[in-house]
N, C-alpha and C. Protein backbone atom coordinates (compact mmCIF):
# COMPACT_ATOMS: atom_id res chain seq x y z
N MET A 1 11.96 2.81 14.25
CA MET A 1 13.31 2.84 15.33
C MET A 1 14.50 2.59 14.33
N GLU A 2 15.61 3.28 14.50
CA GLU A 2 16.80 3.30 13.62
C GLU A 2 17.79 2.11 14.52
N MET A 3 18.52 1.36 13.62
CA MET A 3 19.16 0.12 14.33
C MET A 3 20.43 0.38 13.45
N PRO A 4 21.52 0.27 14.40
CA PRO A 4 23.06 -0.10 13.82
C PRO A 4 22.69 -1.37 12.94
N PRO A 5 23.70 -1.20 11.95
CA PRO A 5 23.31 -2.70 10.82
C PRO A 5 23.69 -3.85 11.50
N LYS A 6 24.88 -3.56 12.38
CA LYS A 6 25.33 -5.21 13.01
C LYS A 6 24.23 -5.68 13.91
N ILE A 7 23.20 -4.85 14.52
CA ILE A 7 22.15 -5.35 15.59
C ILE A 7 21.24 -5.74 14.48
N LEU A 8 20.83 -5.07 13.59
CA LEU A 8 19.75 -5.35 12.31
C LEU A 8 20.02 -6.56 11.87
N ARG A 9 21.08 -6.55 11.28
CA ARG A 9 21.52 -8.34 10.76
C ARG A 9 21.43 -9.05 11.68
N ARG A 10 21.73 -8.98 12.99
CA ARG A 10 21.52 -10.38 13.81
C ARG A 10 20.09 -10.47 14.30
N GLN A 11 19.25 -9.56 14.37
CA GLN A 11 17.67 -9.35 14.41
C GLN A 11 17.31 -10.20 13.28
N LEU A 12 17.67 -9.80 12.09
CA LEU A 12 16.99 -10.24 11.03
C LEU A 12 17.26 -11.88 10.65
N GLY A 13 18.27 -12.38 11.50
CA GLY A 13 19.11 -13.91 11.45
C GLY A 13 20.05 -13.89 10.38
N ALA A 14 20.64 -12.90 9.96
CA ALA A 14 21.91 -12.95 9.09
C ALA A 14 23.05 -13.10 9.56
N MET A 15 23.20 -14.28 9.88
CA MET A 15 24.48 -14.68 10.94
C MET A 15 25.40 -15.56 10.14
N PRO A 16 26.55 -14.82 9.69
CA PRO A 16 27.58 -15.35 8.77
C PRO A 16 27.91 -16.75 8.76
N ASP A 17 28.09 -17.28 10.09
CA ASP A 17 28.39 -18.18 10.16
C ASP A 17 27.20 -19.42 10.26
N ALA A 18 26.10 -19.10 10.21
CA ALA A 18 24.76 -20.42 10.34
C ALA A 18 24.86 -21.31 9.33
N ARG A 19 24.54 -22.41 9.90
CA ARG A 19 24.50 -23.67 8.99
C ARG A 19 22.85 -23.91 9.04
N PHE A 20 22.59 -24.16 7.86
CA PHE A 20 21.28 -24.47 7.48
C PHE A 20 20.93 -26.22 7.16
N THR A 21 19.62 -26.93 7.62
CA THR A 21 19.52 -27.88 7.54
C THR A 21 18.20 -28.00 6.88
N ARG A 22 17.71 -28.58 5.74
CA ARG A 22 16.47 -28.63 5.24
C ARG A 22 15.53 -29.87 6.27
N GLU A 23 14.77 -29.47 6.73
CA GLU A 23 13.90 -30.31 7.65
C GLU A 23 12.37 -31.16 7.15
N GLY A 24 12.05 -30.16 5.98
CA GLY A 24 10.59 -30.72 5.51
C GLY A 24 9.69 -29.44 4.97
N ARG A 25 8.29 -29.87 4.30
CA ARG A 25 7.84 -28.84 4.10
C ARG A 25 6.59 -28.56 5.06
N GLU A 26 5.95 -27.52 5.08
CA GLU A 26 4.53 -27.23 5.75
C GLU A 26 3.75 -26.19 4.95
N ARG A 27 2.56 -25.89 5.63
CA ARG A 27 1.61 -24.86 4.74
C ARG A 27 1.34 -24.13 6.22
N ILE A 28 1.68 -22.74 5.94
CA ILE A 28 1.35 -21.78 6.95
C ILE A 28 0.67 -20.67 6.00
N ALA A 29 -0.31 -19.90 6.89
CA ALA A 29 -1.38 -19.09 6.30
C ALA A 29 -1.78 -19.41 4.88
N GLY A 30 -1.94 -20.65 4.83
CA GLY A 30 -2.31 -21.20 3.17
C GLY A 30 -1.46 -21.25 2.14
N HIS A 31 -0.02 -21.24 2.40
CA HIS A 31 1.08 -21.27 1.60
C HIS A 31 2.25 -22.12 1.93
N ALA A 32 2.49 -22.90 1.04
CA ALA A 32 3.42 -24.32 1.22
C ALA A 32 5.07 -23.16 1.70
N CYS A 33 5.76 -23.79 2.51
CA CYS A 33 7.25 -23.33 2.65
C CYS A 33 8.02 -24.37 3.14
N THR A 34 9.23 -24.45 2.85
CA THR A 34 10.41 -25.58 3.35
C THR A 34 10.81 -24.70 4.72
N VAL A 35 10.96 -25.83 5.53
CA VAL A 35 11.27 -25.71 6.78
C VAL A 35 12.70 -26.04 6.95
N TRP A 36 13.49 -25.17 7.59
CA TRP A 36 14.99 -24.91 7.61
C TRP A 36 15.39 -24.61 8.94
N ARG A 37 16.19 -25.81 9.39
CA ARG A 37 16.80 -25.62 10.81
C ARG A 37 17.96 -24.85 10.54
N PHE A 38 18.07 -23.69 11.59
CA PHE A 38 19.57 -23.40 11.31
C PHE A 38 20.23 -23.14 12.92
N LYS A 39 21.76 -23.01 12.73
CA LYS A 39 22.51 -22.80 14.04
C LYS A 39 23.80 -22.18 13.73
N SER A 40 24.00 -21.41 14.76
CA SER A 40 25.15 -20.73 14.90
C SER A 40 25.67 -20.62 16.12
N GLN A 41 27.05 -19.79 16.16
CA GLN A 41 27.37 -19.52 17.50
C GLN A 41 26.46 -18.65 18.39
N ASP A 42 25.62 -17.74 17.43
CA ASP A 42 24.91 -16.95 18.24
C ASP A 42 23.36 -17.34 18.63
N GLY A 43 23.05 -18.27 18.34
CA GLY A 43 21.72 -19.19 18.54
C GLY A 43 21.24 -20.15 17.44
N GLU A 44 20.12 -20.78 17.59
CA GLU A 44 19.51 -21.63 16.75
C GLU A 44 18.19 -21.34 16.61
N GLY A 45 17.36 -22.06 15.82
CA GLY A 45 16.08 -22.16 15.49
C GLY A 45 15.60 -22.88 14.17
N ARG A 46 14.14 -22.28 14.07
CA ARG A 46 13.63 -22.85 12.35
C ARG A 46 12.96 -21.69 11.96
N ILE A 47 13.52 -21.80 10.53
CA ILE A 47 12.59 -20.88 9.84
C ILE A 47 11.90 -21.64 8.75
N CYS A 48 10.51 -21.17 8.15
CA CYS A 48 9.75 -21.80 7.22
C CYS A 48 9.64 -20.58 6.19
N MET A 49 10.12 -21.12 4.72
CA MET A 49 10.44 -20.12 3.69
C MET A 49 9.71 -20.65 2.35
N THR A 50 8.79 -19.44 1.75
CA THR A 50 8.32 -20.10 0.55
C THR A 50 9.42 -20.07 -0.54
N ALA A 51 8.94 -20.83 -1.78
CA ALA A 51 9.72 -21.03 -2.74
C ALA A 51 10.42 -19.32 -3.42
N ASP A 52 9.63 -18.45 -3.26
CA ASP A 52 10.15 -17.17 -3.72
C ASP A 52 10.69 -16.14 -2.55
N GLY A 53 11.06 -16.93 -1.52
CA GLY A 53 11.78 -16.21 -0.44
C GLY A 53 10.89 -15.25 0.36
N ALA A 54 9.46 -15.50 0.69
CA ALA A 54 8.71 -14.95 1.80
C ALA A 54 8.72 -15.82 3.16
N MET A 55 9.46 -15.24 4.14
CA MET A 55 9.34 -16.00 5.49
C MET A 55 8.20 -16.15 6.03
N LEU A 56 7.66 -17.23 6.40
CA LEU A 56 5.95 -17.27 6.96
C LEU A 56 6.42 -17.61 8.61
N ARG A 57 7.68 -18.16 8.95
CA ARG A 57 7.81 -18.18 10.40
C ARG A 57 9.01 -18.23 10.55
N ASN A 58 9.68 -17.78 12.06
CA ASN A 58 10.90 -17.75 12.20
C ASN A 58 10.90 -17.77 13.83
N LEU A 59 11.27 -19.07 14.29
CA LEU A 59 11.23 -19.37 15.77
C LEU A 59 12.76 -19.82 16.24
N GLY A 60 12.86 -18.90 17.65
CA GLY A 60 14.39 -19.80 17.83
C GLY A 60 14.75 -18.82 18.91
N THR A 61 16.25 -19.21 19.61
CA THR A 61 16.71 -18.37 20.24
C THR A 61 18.26 -17.44 19.72
N ILE A 62 18.31 -16.53 19.74
CA ILE A 62 19.26 -15.74 19.38
C ILE A 62 19.95 -14.68 20.09
N LEU A 63 21.36 -15.01 20.28
CA LEU A 63 21.85 -14.16 21.56
C LEU A 63 21.21 -13.96 22.88
N GLY A 64 20.51 -15.43 23.35
CA GLY A 64 19.96 -15.50 24.53
C GLY A 64 18.56 -14.94 24.82
N GLN A 65 18.20 -14.59 23.50
CA GLN A 65 16.88 -14.15 23.62
C GLN A 65 15.83 -14.95 22.46
N THR A 66 14.72 -15.50 23.28
CA THR A 66 13.80 -16.57 22.65
C THR A 66 12.80 -15.39 21.82
N MET A 67 12.91 -15.58 20.57
CA MET A 67 11.72 -14.93 19.55
C MET A 67 11.11 -15.89 18.75
N GLY A 68 9.96 -15.34 18.17
CA GLY A 68 9.36 -15.91 17.18
C GLY A 68 7.92 -15.08 16.68
N VAL A 69 7.92 -15.63 15.28
CA VAL A 69 6.92 -14.95 14.52
C VAL A 69 6.28 -15.78 13.58
N GLU A 70 5.14 -15.51 13.24
CA GLU A 70 4.64 -16.40 12.22
C GLU A 70 3.40 -15.77 11.62
N ALA A 71 3.38 -15.91 10.39
CA ALA A 71 2.29 -15.34 9.70
C ALA A 71 1.11 -15.74 9.87
N ILE A 72 -0.12 -15.19 10.00
CA ILE A 72 -1.42 -15.54 9.93
C ILE A 72 -2.21 -15.04 8.63
N GLN A 73 -1.66 -14.15 7.88
CA GLN A 73 -2.51 -14.12 6.78
C GLN A 73 -1.17 -13.37 5.38
N VAL A 74 -1.50 -13.81 4.43
CA VAL A 74 -0.25 -13.24 3.25
C VAL A 74 -1.15 -12.60 2.32
N ALA A 75 -0.81 -11.25 1.62
CA ALA A 75 -1.60 -10.68 0.87
C ALA A 75 -0.25 -10.15 -0.05
N ARG A 76 -0.33 -10.80 -1.12
CA ARG A 76 0.66 -10.36 -2.25
C ARG A 76 -0.03 -9.10 -3.40
N MET A 77 0.81 -7.95 -3.16
CA MET A 77 0.41 -6.86 -4.06
C MET A 77 1.61 -5.92 -4.29
N ALA A 78 1.54 -5.02 -5.20
CA ALA A 78 2.69 -4.00 -5.47
C ALA A 78 2.48 -3.01 -4.21
N GLN A 79 3.64 -2.60 -3.95
CA GLN A 79 3.63 -1.71 -2.68
C GLN A 79 4.65 -0.28 -3.51
N GLY A 80 3.96 0.71 -3.25
CA GLY A 80 4.52 1.85 -3.49
C GLY A 80 5.33 2.49 -2.48
N PRO A 81 6.37 3.18 -3.15
CA PRO A 81 7.51 3.85 -2.55
C PRO A 81 7.08 4.58 -1.62
N ALA A 82 6.16 5.16 -1.56
CA ALA A 82 5.51 6.08 -0.30
C ALA A 82 5.28 5.33 1.05
N ARG A 83 5.55 4.02 1.13
CA ARG A 83 4.89 3.04 2.24
C ARG A 83 5.93 2.99 3.03
N PHE A 84 7.18 3.34 2.08
CA PHE A 84 8.67 3.26 2.63
C PHE A 84 9.28 4.35 3.32
N GLN A 85 8.50 5.44 3.49
CA GLN A 85 9.07 6.82 3.63
C GLN A 85 8.82 7.18 5.41
N ARG A 86 9.39 7.90 6.02
CA ARG A 86 9.53 8.00 7.29
C ARG A 86 8.43 8.94 7.39
N PRO A 87 7.22 8.90 8.63
CA PRO A 87 6.44 9.88 8.42
C PRO A 87 7.16 11.52 8.64
N THR A 88 6.01 12.39 8.80
CA THR A 88 6.73 13.89 8.85
C THR A 88 7.32 14.27 10.27
N ASP A 89 6.44 13.45 11.22
CA ASP A 89 6.77 13.58 12.34
C ASP A 89 7.56 12.86 13.29
N TYR A 90 8.45 12.04 12.42
CA TYR A 90 9.14 10.82 12.66
C TYR A 90 10.39 11.54 13.89
N GLU A 91 10.21 10.80 14.81
CA GLU A 91 11.78 11.00 15.77
C GLU A 91 12.19 9.66 16.16
N PRO A 92 13.54 9.75 15.96
CA PRO A 92 14.46 8.48 16.17
C PRO A 92 14.57 7.89 17.62
N LEU A 93 14.28 6.81 17.41
CA LEU A 93 14.45 6.14 19.03
C LEU A 93 15.47 5.25 18.62
N HIS A 94 16.42 4.92 19.54
CA HIS A 94 17.48 4.50 19.36
C HIS A 94 17.82 3.29 20.54
N PRO A 95 17.81 1.90 19.91
CA PRO A 95 17.94 0.92 20.75
C PRO A 95 19.13 1.03 21.72
N ARG A 96 18.86 0.16 23.01
CA ARG A 96 20.10 -0.11 23.79
C ARG A 96 21.21 -0.80 23.19
N GLN A 97 22.37 -0.67 23.42
CA GLN A 97 23.33 -1.29 22.67
C GLN A 97 23.78 -2.40 23.66
N PRO A 98 23.93 -3.53 23.31
CA PRO A 98 24.05 -5.06 23.91
C PRO A 98 25.57 -4.79 24.81
N ARG A 99 25.18 -5.27 25.74
CA ARG A 99 26.50 -5.35 26.72
C ARG A 99 27.48 -6.10 26.47
N GLN A 100 28.59 -5.51 26.27
CA GLN A 100 30.17 -6.30 25.88
C GLN A 100 30.68 -6.94 27.17
N GLY A 101 30.96 -7.97 26.93
CA GLY A 101 31.58 -8.61 27.95
C GLY A 101 31.42 -10.07 28.17
């Protein structure tokens, strides 16, 4: 799905006004991670990040939508550029634009 950068940044949690508070450590899918609570004008929640930047959990409410993801297995390996190419039969699917108002 092609997504406008503004929407994609918000879905990935890149909120420029977000404040983060460290809450502790956990183990998810066998990996240690640091729990961070985040809060911004668009929402709040918690993420758990490994020391090298892998997000293992993201739970919260952003723009009024509750969402959550959590790793159940982690495999670290090199990934070739072919994995990031669009399939030859790719057809764009455009998300609905959020309502203004």
